[in-house]
Amino acid sequence: MGKLFDGYRPELHYMRGPGPKWHEKYDGVSLGADEHQPELPYSLWLIPAAAFALLGIAAAVALA
């Protein structure tokens, strides 16, 4: 009976992400590893994908 009128709701106390002190400390600070890794153009990602697709087609033809 007491649980029906209990006002404690744990879902109201869960953390929902970093707070303002975390943002004060870390916002605007870039990591050193990100600065040294150049971003590859999208076209370079297509080359391995096309090669795997051609290998898959060749394997399907060979097995057929």
N, C-alpha and C. Protein backbone atom coordinates (compact mmCIF):
# COMPACT_ATOMS: atom_id res chain seq x y z
N MET A 1 0.83 -1.19 0.00
CA MET A 1 0.00 0.00 0.00
C MET A 1 0.87 1.26 0.00
N GLY A 2 1.98 1.21 0.71
CA GLY A 2 2.85 2.37 0.80
C GLY A 2 3.52 2.69 -0.53
N LYS A 3 3.75 1.67 -1.37
CA LYS A 3 4.41 1.90 -2.65
C LYS A 3 3.52 2.68 -3.62
N LEU A 4 2.23 2.64 -3.44
CA LEU A 4 1.34 3.36 -4.33
C LEU A 4 1.49 4.87 -4.18
N PHE A 5 1.84 5.31 -2.97
CA PHE A 5 1.92 6.74 -2.69
C PHE A 5 3.35 7.22 -2.52
N ASP A 6 4.31 6.39 -2.89
CA ASP A 6 5.72 6.76 -2.77
C ASP A 6 6.04 7.80 -3.84
N GLY A 7 6.60 8.94 -3.45
CA GLY A 7 6.88 10.02 -4.40
C GLY A 7 8.20 9.89 -5.13
N TYR A 8 9.01 8.88 -4.78
CA TYR A 8 10.31 8.74 -5.42
C TYR A 8 10.14 8.14 -6.80
N ARG A 9 10.64 8.85 -7.82
CA ARG A 9 10.61 8.36 -9.19
C ARG A 9 12.04 8.39 -9.72
N PRO A 10 12.71 7.23 -9.78
CA PRO A 10 14.13 7.21 -10.14
C PRO A 10 14.40 7.72 -11.55
N GLU A 11 13.44 7.62 -12.47
CA GLU A 11 13.70 8.09 -13.83
C GLU A 11 13.91 9.60 -13.88
N LEU A 12 13.49 10.32 -12.84
CA LEU A 12 13.71 11.76 -12.79
C LEU A 12 15.12 12.12 -12.35
N HIS A 13 15.87 11.14 -11.84
CA HIS A 13 17.18 11.41 -11.29
C HIS A 13 18.33 10.89 -12.15
N TYR A 14 18.02 10.25 -13.25
CA TYR A 14 19.08 9.74 -14.11
C TYR A 14 19.79 10.88 -14.82
N MET A 15 21.09 10.69 -15.06
CA MET A 15 21.84 11.71 -15.79
C MET A 15 21.42 11.71 -17.26
N ARG A 16 21.35 12.87 -17.83
CA ARG A 16 20.93 13.00 -19.22
C ARG A 16 22.04 13.56 -20.09
N GLY A 17 23.27 13.44 -19.67
CA GLY A 17 24.39 13.94 -20.45
C GLY A 17 25.29 14.81 -19.60
N PRO A 18 26.35 15.31 -20.19
CA PRO A 18 27.30 16.13 -19.45
C PRO A 18 26.66 17.44 -19.00
N GLY A 19 27.06 17.88 -17.83
CA GLY A 19 26.52 19.10 -17.26
C GLY A 19 27.31 20.33 -17.66
N PRO A 20 26.95 21.47 -17.10
CA PRO A 20 27.59 22.73 -17.49
C PRO A 20 29.07 22.80 -17.14
N LYS A 21 29.49 22.17 -16.04
CA LYS A 21 30.92 22.20 -15.68
C LYS A 21 31.75 21.40 -16.68
N TRP A 22 31.21 20.30 -17.16
CA TRP A 22 31.92 19.51 -18.16
C TRP A 22 32.05 20.33 -19.44
N HIS A 23 30.98 21.01 -19.83
CA HIS A 23 31.02 21.82 -21.05
C HIS A 23 32.01 22.97 -20.92
N GLU A 24 32.09 23.58 -19.73
CA GLU A 24 33.07 24.65 -19.51
C GLU A 24 34.49 24.15 -19.73
N LYS A 25 34.73 22.91 -19.30
CA LYS A 25 36.08 22.36 -19.36
C LYS A 25 36.44 21.86 -20.75
N TYR A 26 35.50 21.21 -21.45
CA TYR A 26 35.84 20.50 -22.67
C TYR A 26 35.33 21.12 -23.96
N ASP A 27 34.38 22.00 -23.94
CA ASP A 27 33.89 22.60 -25.18
C ASP A 27 34.98 23.47 -25.80
N GLY A 28 35.16 23.32 -27.09
CA GLY A 28 36.15 24.12 -27.79
C GLY A 28 37.56 23.58 -27.70
N VAL A 29 37.76 22.47 -27.00
CA VAL A 29 39.08 21.87 -26.89
C VAL A 29 39.13 20.72 -27.88
N SER A 30 40.03 20.80 -28.85
CA SER A 30 40.15 19.72 -29.82
C SER A 30 41.20 18.73 -29.35
N LEU A 31 41.00 17.49 -29.71
CA LEU A 31 41.95 16.45 -29.35
C LEU A 31 43.13 16.48 -30.31
N GLY A 32 44.31 16.19 -29.83
CA GLY A 32 45.50 16.23 -30.65
C GLY A 32 45.48 15.22 -31.78
N ALA A 33 44.89 14.05 -31.58
CA ALA A 33 44.87 13.00 -32.59
C ALA A 33 44.03 13.42 -33.79
N ASP A 34 42.97 14.19 -33.56
CA ASP A 34 42.11 14.59 -34.67
C ASP A 34 42.80 15.58 -35.60
N GLU A 35 43.70 16.38 -35.08
CA GLU A 35 44.36 17.39 -35.89
C GLU A 35 45.35 16.78 -36.87
N HIS A 36 45.90 15.61 -36.57
CA HIS A 36 46.96 15.02 -37.38
C HIS A 36 46.44 14.01 -38.39
N GLN A 37 45.15 13.70 -38.36
CA GLN A 37 44.60 12.73 -39.30
C GLN A 37 43.87 13.47 -40.42
N PRO A 38 44.42 13.43 -41.63
CA PRO A 38 43.73 14.11 -42.73
C PRO A 38 42.47 13.35 -43.11
N GLU A 39 41.46 14.07 -43.52
CA GLU A 39 40.21 13.45 -43.94
C GLU A 39 40.33 13.03 -45.40
N LEU A 40 39.99 11.77 -45.68
CA LEU A 40 40.09 11.25 -47.03
C LEU A 40 38.87 11.68 -47.84
N PRO A 41 39.07 11.97 -49.10
CA PRO A 41 37.92 12.30 -49.96
C PRO A 41 37.01 11.07 -50.10
N TYR A 42 35.75 11.35 -50.34
CA TYR A 42 34.75 10.29 -50.45
C TYR A 42 35.08 9.32 -51.57
N SER A 43 35.67 9.81 -52.65
CA SER A 43 35.95 8.96 -53.80
C SER A 43 36.95 7.85 -53.46
N LEU A 44 37.84 8.09 -52.50
CA LEU A 44 38.80 7.04 -52.14
C LEU A 44 38.14 5.88 -51.40
N TRP A 45 36.99 6.13 -50.79
CA TRP A 45 36.28 5.04 -50.11
C TRP A 45 35.56 4.15 -51.13
N LEU A 46 35.30 4.68 -52.31
CA LEU A 46 34.57 3.91 -53.31
C LEU A 46 35.46 2.87 -53.99
N ILE A 47 36.75 3.08 -54.03
CA ILE A 47 37.66 2.15 -54.72
C ILE A 47 37.62 0.76 -54.09
N PRO A 48 37.82 0.62 -52.76
CA PRO A 48 37.75 -0.73 -52.18
C PRO A 48 36.35 -1.34 -52.30
N ALA A 49 35.32 -0.53 -52.19
CA ALA A 49 33.96 -1.05 -52.30
C ALA A 49 33.72 -1.61 -53.70
N ALA A 50 34.19 -0.92 -54.71
CA ALA A 50 34.02 -1.40 -56.08
C ALA A 50 34.82 -2.68 -56.31
N ALA A 51 36.02 -2.76 -55.73
CA ALA A 51 36.84 -3.95 -55.89
C ALA A 51 36.16 -5.16 -55.25
N PHE A 52 35.59 -4.98 -54.05
CA PHE A 52 34.88 -6.10 -53.40
C PHE A 52 33.63 -6.50 -54.18
N ALA A 53 32.96 -5.53 -54.77
CA ALA A 53 31.77 -5.84 -55.57
C ALA A 53 32.16 -6.66 -56.79
N LEU A 54 33.25 -6.28 -57.46
CA LEU A 54 33.69 -7.04 -58.63
C LEU A 54 34.14 -8.45 -58.25
N LEU A 55 34.79 -8.58 -57.09
CA LEU A 55 35.18 -9.92 -56.63
C LEU A 55 33.95 -10.77 -56.33
N GLY A 56 32.94 -10.16 -55.76
CA GLY A 56 31.71 -10.90 -55.47
C GLY A 56 31.01 -11.35 -56.72
N ILE A 57 30.98 -10.51 -57.74
CA ILE A 57 30.36 -10.87 -59.01
C ILE A 57 31.16 -11.99 -59.68
N ALA A 58 32.49 -11.88 -59.65
CA ALA A 58 33.32 -12.92 -60.26
C ALA A 58 33.13 -14.26 -59.54
N ALA A 59 33.01 -14.22 -58.22
CA ALA A 59 32.79 -15.47 -57.47
C ALA A 59 31.43 -16.06 -57.79
N ALA A 60 30.42 -15.22 -57.91
CA ALA A 60 29.08 -15.73 -58.25
C ALA A 60 29.05 -16.35 -59.63
N VAL A 61 29.75 -15.73 -60.58
CA VAL A 61 29.81 -16.27 -61.95
C VAL A 61 30.57 -17.60 -61.95
N ALA A 62 31.65 -17.67 -61.19
CA ALA A 62 32.47 -18.89 -61.14
C ALA A 62 31.70 -20.05 -60.51
N LEU A 63 30.87 -19.74 -59.51
CA LEU A 63 30.10 -20.80 -58.83
C LEU A 63 28.86 -21.21 -59.60
N ALA A 64 28.43 -20.38 -60.51
CA ALA A 64 27.18 -20.68 -61.25
C ALA A 64 27.37 -21.70 -62.35
